[in-house]
Structure formats: C-alpha cells, structure tokens
C-alpha cells in the first residue's frame, strides 16, 4: 500500500476545472435545447430568449470550469493540511 499525504494544488485545480467544464457542457446542452423545445411547444415559435439560452453552451462550461478550478485548489489545500495528521490516503498501485 502506498500512502498519499500531499497533492499538487495546480494539478488538482486543473483536473477539477476540466471535469467541471464537461459537466457544464452537459448542463448547457440540457438548458439550451430544453428551453428551445419549451418555447416551441408553449408559444409555437422561438424568440430572443431562446437565442440567449444557446449562449449557455458557452457560459455554463466556462462558469463551471472557474468554480471547479477554485474548488479543486481549496480541496488540495485542505487535503494537504489535514491528511498528514490522519495518515493520508492509502492506495494500492499495480505495475
């Protein structure tokens, strides 16, 4: 068993930003296309709100990535402060 007691701040922040941007893309797709379908069903046409909803395809991944990066940095910082006191995390590595 190998013990992890330290995590790089920047590497975890980048990983979290990447993962959260993917989640943001999925949420943006659901929001944009869900809004378009709702507008089409309720009013029978698309309007400016529908066009703005498609900006979620850009805005949500960006916002999620920023928040994910910040949270990843904070998580690494907290892990590095707490893990040495409690023995870290044990993982089994295979060659």
Protein backbone atom coordinates (compact mmCIF):
# COMPACT_ATOMS: atom_id res chain seq x y z
CA UNK A 1 0.00 0.00 0.00
CA UNK A 2 1.17 3.48 -0.85
CA UNK A 3 0.18 6.46 1.23
CA UNK A 4 -0.73 9.83 -0.32
CA UNK A 5 -0.14 12.75 2.03
CA UNK A 6 0.35 15.63 -0.42
CA UNK A 7 -1.48 16.74 -3.59
CA UNK A 8 -0.33 19.43 -6.03
CA UNK A 9 -2.62 22.46 -5.85
CA UNK A 10 -2.41 23.39 -9.51
CA UNK A 11 -2.76 19.86 -10.87
CA UNK A 12 -5.92 19.16 -8.88
CA UNK A 13 -7.34 22.58 -9.77
CA UNK A 14 -6.75 21.90 -13.49
CA UNK A 15 -8.28 18.44 -13.25
CA UNK A 16 -11.35 19.74 -11.42
CA UNK A 17 -11.72 22.60 -13.92
CA UNK A 18 -11.64 20.14 -16.83
CA UNK A 19 -14.11 17.75 -15.25
CA UNK A 20 -16.48 20.51 -14.22
CA UNK A 21 -16.36 22.12 -17.67
CA UNK A 22 -17.61 18.80 -19.08
CA UNK A 23 -20.45 18.82 -16.57
CA UNK A 24 -21.15 22.44 -17.53
CA UNK A 25 -21.32 21.49 -21.20
CA UNK A 26 -23.92 18.80 -20.46
CA UNK A 27 -25.92 21.23 -18.33
CA UNK A 28 -25.66 23.89 -21.03
CA UNK A 29 -26.92 21.45 -23.66
CA UNK A 30 -29.87 20.46 -21.49
CA UNK A 31 -30.67 24.10 -20.71
CA UNK A 32 -30.40 25.33 -24.29
CA UNK A 33 -32.29 22.55 -26.00
CA UNK A 34 -34.81 22.20 -23.19
CA UNK A 35 -35.55 25.92 -23.42
CA UNK A 36 -35.86 25.73 -27.19
CA UNK A 37 -38.32 22.84 -27.01
CA UNK A 38 -40.31 24.57 -24.28
CA UNK A 39 -40.55 27.80 -26.32
CA UNK A 40 -41.54 25.90 -29.43
CA UNK A 41 -44.26 23.95 -27.59
CA UNK A 42 -45.63 26.81 -25.48
CA UNK A 43 -45.54 29.71 -27.97
CA UNK A 44 -45.18 27.93 -31.29
CA UNK A 45 -42.03 29.84 -32.22
CA UNK A 46 -38.61 30.78 -30.99
CA UNK A 47 -37.81 34.20 -29.59
CA UNK A 48 -34.82 36.16 -28.33
CA UNK A 49 -34.86 34.22 -25.06
CA UNK A 50 -34.20 31.04 -26.99
CA UNK A 51 -31.22 32.61 -28.69
CA UNK A 52 -29.88 33.76 -25.34
CA UNK A 53 -30.38 30.28 -23.93
CA UNK A 54 -27.95 28.95 -26.54
CA UNK A 55 -25.30 31.21 -25.01
CA UNK A 56 -25.44 28.76 -22.12
CA UNK A 57 -23.41 26.44 -24.36
CA UNK A 58 -20.51 28.88 -23.86
CA UNK A 59 -21.29 30.36 -20.47
CA UNK A 60 -22.03 27.29 -18.40
CA UNK A 61 -18.85 25.33 -19.20
CA UNK A 62 -16.80 28.46 -18.53
CA UNK A 63 -18.54 29.19 -15.22
CA UNK A 64 -18.36 25.56 -14.12
CA UNK A 65 -14.65 25.41 -15.02
CA UNK A 66 -13.84 28.52 -12.97
CA UNK A 67 -15.74 27.26 -9.94
CA UNK A 68 -14.28 23.76 -10.35
CA UNK A 69 -10.75 25.16 -10.51
CA UNK A 70 -11.24 27.21 -7.37
CA UNK A 71 -12.79 24.29 -5.51
CA UNK A 72 -10.02 21.95 -6.67
CA UNK A 73 -7.42 24.36 -5.32
CA UNK A 74 -9.26 24.60 -1.98
CA UNK A 75 -9.68 20.81 -1.80
CA UNK A 76 -5.96 20.25 -2.36
CA UNK A 77 -5.13 22.86 0.26
CA UNK A 78 -7.43 21.28 2.83
CA UNK A 79 -6.19 17.78 2.00
CA UNK A 80 -2.56 18.88 2.44
CA UNK A 81 -3.40 20.43 5.80
CA UNK A 82 -5.43 17.54 7.17
CA UNK A 83 -4.00 14.36 5.59
CA UNK A 84 -0.62 14.29 7.38
CA UNK A 85 -2.38 14.47 10.76
CA UNK A 86 -4.59 11.48 9.98
CA UNK A 87 -2.23 9.34 7.94
CA UNK A 88 -3.24 10.34 4.42
CA UNK A 89 -4.99 8.03 1.98
CA UNK A 90 -3.77 4.52 1.26
CA UNK A 91 -3.94 3.32 -2.34
CA UNK A 92 -2.77 0.12 -3.95
CA UNK A 93 -0.72 0.60 -7.10
CA UNK A 94 -0.06 -2.19 -9.58
CA UNK A 95 2.78 -2.09 -12.11
